[in-house]
């Protein structure tokens, strides 16, 4: 009987040691889960900031593209009017030269 009781006591001690080790591993795992959760929050926050900045940059890019196109149209219009004015001045100059000849 004593032998059985000692065997059970040893088995209970081993089981308690295993439970203690398991509790430590669970605590470590919980710490890792908490750290991972915090890392995920930070990553999500960073991702949200990047997306917001990307949206702003997309808007700026569209505005720059529109502005460039508008400047290009304005330049072409100014070039046409300048060329027309030069042709008109050239015609006037030719007329003046003919009149003076």
N, C-alpha and C. Protein backbone atom coordinates (compact mmCIF):
# COMPACT_ATOMS: atom_id res chain seq x y z
N UNK A 1 0.82 -1.18 0.00
CA UNK A 1 0.00 0.00 0.00
C UNK A 1 0.87 1.26 0.00
N UNK A 2 1.90 1.22 0.83
CA UNK A 2 2.82 2.38 0.92
C UNK A 2 3.48 2.63 -0.43
N UNK A 3 3.81 1.55 -1.10
CA UNK A 3 4.46 1.65 -2.41
C UNK A 3 3.54 2.36 -3.41
N UNK A 4 2.26 2.03 -3.39
CA UNK A 4 1.29 2.65 -4.29
C UNK A 4 1.16 4.13 -3.96
N UNK A 5 1.07 4.45 -2.65
CA UNK A 5 0.94 5.83 -2.23
C UNK A 5 2.16 6.64 -2.65
N UNK A 6 3.36 6.09 -2.52
CA UNK A 6 4.58 6.79 -2.95
C UNK A 6 4.60 6.97 -4.46
N UNK A 7 4.15 5.95 -5.18
CA UNK A 7 4.08 6.04 -6.65
C UNK A 7 3.11 7.13 -7.08
N UNK A 8 1.96 7.18 -6.41
CA UNK A 8 0.96 8.22 -6.72
C UNK A 8 1.49 9.61 -6.37
N UNK A 9 2.18 9.70 -5.25
CA UNK A 9 2.74 11.00 -4.84
C UNK A 9 3.78 11.47 -5.85
N UNK A 10 4.60 10.54 -6.33
CA UNK A 10 5.61 10.90 -7.33
C UNK A 10 4.94 11.30 -8.65
N UNK A 11 3.90 10.53 -9.02
CA UNK A 11 3.18 10.85 -10.24
C UNK A 11 2.49 12.22 -10.11
N UNK A 12 1.94 12.50 -8.93
CA UNK A 12 1.29 13.79 -8.69
C UNK A 12 2.32 14.92 -8.76
N UNK A 13 3.51 14.69 -8.22
CA UNK A 13 4.57 15.70 -8.27
C UNK A 13 4.99 15.95 -9.72
N UNK A 14 5.12 14.87 -10.49
CA UNK A 14 5.47 15.02 -11.92
C UNK A 14 4.38 15.78 -12.67
N UNK A 15 3.13 15.42 -12.37
CA UNK A 15 2.01 16.10 -13.02
C UNK A 15 2.01 17.58 -12.66
N UNK A 16 2.27 17.89 -11.39
CA UNK A 16 2.30 19.29 -10.96
C UNK A 16 3.45 20.04 -11.65
N UNK A 17 4.60 19.38 -11.78
CA UNK A 17 5.73 20.00 -12.49
C UNK A 17 5.34 20.28 -13.94
N UNK A 18 4.68 19.30 -14.56
CA UNK A 18 4.24 19.50 -15.94
C UNK A 18 3.23 20.65 -16.03
N UNK A 19 2.31 20.71 -15.07
CA UNK A 19 1.33 21.81 -15.05
C UNK A 19 2.01 23.16 -14.85
N UNK A 20 3.01 23.20 -13.97
CA UNK A 20 3.75 24.45 -13.75
C UNK A 20 4.48 24.87 -15.03
N UNK A 21 5.12 23.89 -15.69
CA UNK A 21 5.81 24.19 -16.95
C UNK A 21 4.81 24.67 -18.02
N UNK A 22 3.66 24.01 -18.05
CA UNK A 22 2.63 24.40 -19.00
C UNK A 22 2.13 25.81 -18.72
N UNK A 23 1.97 26.14 -17.44
CA UNK A 23 1.52 27.49 -17.07
C UNK A 23 2.56 28.53 -17.51
N UNK A 24 3.85 28.22 -17.35
CA UNK A 24 4.91 29.13 -17.80
C UNK A 24 4.88 29.29 -19.31
N UNK A 25 4.72 28.17 -20.01
CA UNK A 25 4.65 28.24 -21.47
C UNK A 25 3.43 29.03 -21.92
N UNK A 26 2.31 28.85 -21.21
CA UNK A 26 1.10 29.59 -21.55
C UNK A 26 1.32 31.09 -21.31
N UNK A 27 1.98 31.44 -20.21
CA UNK A 27 2.26 32.85 -19.93
C UNK A 27 3.17 33.43 -21.01
N UNK A 28 4.20 32.67 -21.40
CA UNK A 28 5.09 33.13 -22.48
C UNK A 28 4.33 33.30 -23.79
N UNK A 29 3.47 32.32 -24.07
CA UNK A 29 2.68 32.40 -25.30
C UNK A 29 1.75 33.61 -25.26
N UNK A 30 1.13 33.86 -24.11
CA UNK A 30 0.25 35.02 -23.99
C UNK A 30 1.03 36.31 -24.19
N UNK A 31 2.24 36.38 -23.65
CA UNK A 31 3.09 37.56 -23.85
C UNK A 31 3.39 37.74 -25.34
N UNK A 32 3.71 36.65 -26.00
CA UNK A 32 3.99 36.72 -27.44
C UNK A 32 2.75 37.15 -28.22
N UNK A 33 1.59 36.64 -27.82
CA UNK A 33 0.33 37.03 -28.48
C UNK A 33 0.08 38.52 -28.27
N UNK A 34 0.29 38.99 -27.05
CA UNK A 34 0.10 40.42 -26.76
C UNK A 34 1.06 41.28 -27.59
N UNK A 35 2.32 40.85 -27.68
CA UNK A 35 3.29 41.59 -28.48
C UNK A 35 2.91 41.57 -29.96
N UNK A 36 2.46 40.41 -30.43
CA UNK A 36 2.02 40.30 -31.82
C UNK A 36 0.81 41.19 -32.08
N UNK A 37 -0.12 41.22 -31.14
CA UNK A 37 -1.30 42.07 -31.27
C UNK A 37 -0.89 43.54 -31.36
N UNK A 38 0.07 43.95 -30.52
CA UNK A 38 0.56 45.33 -30.56
C UNK A 38 1.26 45.62 -31.88
N UNK A 39 2.06 44.66 -32.34
CA UNK A 39 2.74 44.84 -33.63
C UNK A 39 1.72 44.95 -34.76
N UNK A 40 0.68 44.16 -34.70
CA UNK A 40 -0.37 44.23 -35.73
C UNK A 40 -1.08 45.58 -35.69
N UNK A 41 -1.34 46.11 -34.49
CA UNK A 41 -1.97 47.44 -34.38
C UNK A 41 -1.07 48.49 -35.00
N UNK A 42 0.23 48.41 -34.70
CA UNK A 42 1.18 49.38 -35.26
C UNK A 42 1.27 49.23 -36.77
N UNK A 43 1.31 48.00 -37.25
CA UNK A 43 1.37 47.75 -38.69
C UNK A 43 0.11 48.28 -39.38
N UNK A 44 -1.03 48.02 -38.78
CA UNK A 44 -2.29 48.52 -39.34
C UNK A 44 -2.31 50.04 -39.36
N UNK A 45 -1.83 50.64 -38.29
CA UNK A 45 -1.76 52.10 -38.23
C UNK A 45 -0.83 52.64 -39.31
N UNK A 46 0.33 52.02 -39.45
CA UNK A 46 1.27 52.44 -40.50
C UNK A 46 0.67 52.26 -41.89
N UNK A 47 -0.01 51.14 -42.07
CA UNK A 47 -0.64 50.85 -43.36
C UNK A 47 -1.71 51.90 -43.67
N UNK A 48 -2.51 52.25 -42.67
CA UNK A 48 -3.54 53.27 -42.86
C UNK A 48 -2.91 54.61 -43.23
N UNK A 49 -1.79 54.96 -42.57
CA UNK A 49 -1.11 56.22 -42.89
C UNK A 49 -0.56 56.19 -44.31
N UNK A 50 0.01 55.05 -44.70
CA UNK A 50 0.55 54.93 -46.06
C UNK A 50 -0.58 55.06 -47.09
N UNK A 51 -1.70 54.41 -46.83
CA UNK A 51 -2.83 54.50 -47.75
C UNK A 51 -3.34 55.94 -47.84
N UNK A 52 -3.41 56.62 -46.70
CA UNK A 52 -3.88 58.01 -46.71
C UNK A 52 -2.91 58.88 -47.50
N UNK A 53 -1.63 58.69 -47.28
CA UNK A 53 -0.63 59.47 -48.03
C UNK A 53 -0.68 59.14 -49.51
N UNK A 54 -0.89 57.88 -49.81
CA UNK A 54 -0.98 57.46 -51.21
C UNK A 54 -2.18 58.13 -51.88
N UNK A 55 -3.30 58.20 -51.17
CA UNK A 55 -4.48 58.85 -51.73
C UNK A 55 -4.22 60.33 -51.97
N UNK A 56 -3.53 60.97 -51.02
CA UNK A 56 -3.19 62.38 -51.18
C UNK A 56 -2.26 62.56 -52.38
N UNK A 57 -1.25 61.70 -52.48
CA UNK A 57 -0.31 61.79 -53.60
C UNK A 57 -1.01 61.53 -54.93
N UNK A 58 -1.96 60.61 -54.93
CA UNK A 58 -2.74 60.37 -56.16
C UNK A 58 -3.50 61.63 -56.56
N UNK A 59 -4.11 62.29 -55.58
CA UNK A 59 -4.83 63.54 -55.87
C UNK A 59 -3.89 64.62 -56.38
N UNK A 60 -2.71 64.73 -55.74
CA UNK A 60 -1.73 65.72 -56.18
C UNK A 60 -1.27 65.41 -57.59
N UNK A 61 -1.02 64.13 -57.86
CA UNK A 61 -0.58 63.73 -59.20
C UNK A 61 -1.64 64.07 -60.25
N UNK A 62 -2.90 63.80 -59.94
CA UNK A 62 -3.97 64.15 -60.88
C UNK A 62 -4.02 65.65 -61.11
N UNK A 63 -3.88 66.42 -60.03
CA UNK A 63 -3.90 67.88 -60.16
C UNK A 63 -2.71 68.36 -60.97
N UNK A 64 -1.54 67.77 -60.74
CA UNK A 64 -0.36 68.15 -61.52
C UNK A 64 -0.54 67.80 -62.99
N UNK A 65 -1.10 66.64 -63.25
CA UNK A 65 -1.35 66.23 -64.63
C UNK A 65 -2.31 67.20 -65.31
N UNK A 66 -3.39 67.54 -64.60
CA UNK A 66 -4.36 68.49 -65.14
C UNK A 66 -3.69 69.85 -65.38
N UNK A 67 -2.91 70.29 -64.40
CA UNK A 67 -2.23 71.58 -64.51
C UNK A 67 -1.25 71.57 -65.69
N UNK A 68 -0.51 70.48 -65.84
CA UNK A 68 0.43 70.37 -66.95
C UNK A 68 -0.30 70.43 -68.29
N UNK A 69 -1.41 69.71 -68.37
CA UNK A 69 -2.19 69.72 -69.61
C UNK A 69 -2.73 71.12 -69.89
N UNK A 70 -3.18 71.81 -68.84
CA UNK A 70 -3.69 73.17 -69.00
C UNK A 70 -2.56 74.10 -69.45
N UNK A 71 -1.39 73.97 -68.84
CA UNK A 71 -0.25 74.80 -69.25
C UNK A 71 0.15 74.50 -70.69
N UNK A 72 0.10 73.23 -71.05
CA UNK A 72 0.43 72.85 -72.43
C UNK A 72 -0.56 73.48 -73.40
N UNK A 73 -1.84 73.43 -73.07
CA UNK A 73 -2.85 74.05 -73.95
C UNK A 73 -2.63 75.56 -74.03
N UNK A 74 -2.35 76.18 -72.88
CA UNK A 74 -2.09 77.62 -72.87
C UNK A 74 -0.87 77.96 -73.71
N UNK A 75 0.20 77.15 -73.57
CA UNK A 75 1.42 77.39 -74.34
C UNK A 75 1.12 77.29 -75.84
N UNK A 76 0.39 76.24 -76.22
CA UNK A 76 0.07 76.07 -77.63
C UNK A 76 -0.78 77.22 -78.15
N UNK A 77 -1.72 77.69 -77.34
CA UNK A 77 -2.55 78.83 -77.75
C UNK A 77 -1.70 80.09 -77.88
N UNK A 78 -0.80 80.31 -76.91
CA UNK A 78 0.09 81.48 -76.99
C UNK A 78 1.00 81.38 -78.21
N UNK A 79 1.46 80.17 -78.49
CA UNK A 79 2.31 79.96 -79.66
C UNK A 79 1.54 80.29 -80.94
N UNK A 80 0.29 79.85 -81.01
CA UNK A 80 -0.53 80.15 -82.19
C UNK A 80 -0.75 81.66 -82.34
N UNK A 81 -1.09 82.30 -81.22
CA UNK A 81 -1.35 83.75 -81.31
C UNK A 81 -0.07 84.52 -81.61
N UNK A 82 1.06 84.07 -81.05
CA UNK A 82 2.34 84.72 -81.33
C UNK A 82 2.70 84.54 -82.80
N UNK A 83 2.54 83.32 -83.30
CA UNK A 83 2.83 83.07 -84.72
C UNK A 83 1.92 83.90 -85.61
N UNK A 84 0.65 83.99 -85.24
CA UNK A 84 -0.28 84.80 -86.03
C UNK A 84 0.12 86.27 -86.00
N UNK A 85 0.53 86.74 -84.81
CA UNK A 85 0.96 88.13 -84.70
C UNK A 85 2.23 88.37 -85.52
N UNK A 86 3.17 87.42 -85.48
CA UNK A 86 4.39 87.56 -86.27
C UNK A 86 4.08 87.56 -87.76
N UNK A 87 3.18 86.70 -88.18
CA UNK A 87 2.79 86.68 -89.59
C UNK A 87 2.13 88.00 -89.99
N UNK A 88 1.32 88.50 -89.09
CA UNK A 88 0.66 89.78 -89.36
C UNK A 88 1.69 90.90 -89.45
N UNK A 89 2.66 90.91 -88.51
CA UNK A 89 3.71 91.93 -88.54
C UNK A 89 4.57 91.78 -89.80
N UNK A 90 4.83 90.53 -90.18
CA UNK A 90 5.61 90.29 -91.39
C UNK A 90 4.86 90.83 -92.62
N UNK A 91 3.57 90.59 -92.65
CA UNK A 91 2.77 91.10 -93.77
C UNK A 91 2.77 92.63 -93.79
N UNK A 92 2.66 93.23 -92.61
CA UNK A 92 2.70 94.70 -92.52
C UNK A 92 4.06 95.21 -92.98
N UNK A 93 5.13 94.55 -92.53
CA UNK A 93 6.48 94.95 -92.91
C UNK A 93 6.67 94.84 -94.42
N UNK A 94 6.22 93.73 -94.99
CA UNK A 94 6.32 93.57 -96.44
C UNK A 94 5.53 94.66 -97.17
N UNK A 95 4.37 94.97 -96.64
CA UNK A 95 3.54 96.02 -97.25
C UNK A 95 4.26 97.36 -97.17
N UNK A 96 4.89 97.64 -96.01
CA UNK A 96 5.61 98.91 -95.85
C UNK A 96 6.81 98.96 -96.79
N UNK A 97 7.51 97.82 -96.92
CA UNK A 97 8.66 97.78 -97.82
C UNK A 97 8.21 98.02 -99.25
N UNK A 98 7.11 97.42 -99.65
CA UNK A 98 6.58 97.61 -101.01
C UNK A 98 6.15 99.06 -101.24
N UNK A 99 5.55 99.61 -100.22
CA UNK A 99 5.09 101.00 -100.36
C UNK A 99 6.26 101.97 -100.44
N UNK A 100 7.37 101.66 -99.79
CA UNK A 100 8.53 102.54 -99.81
C UNK A 100 9.39 102.33 -101.04
N UNK A 101 9.16 101.27 -101.77
CA UNK A 101 10.00 100.99 -102.94
C UNK A 101 9.55 101.73 -104.16
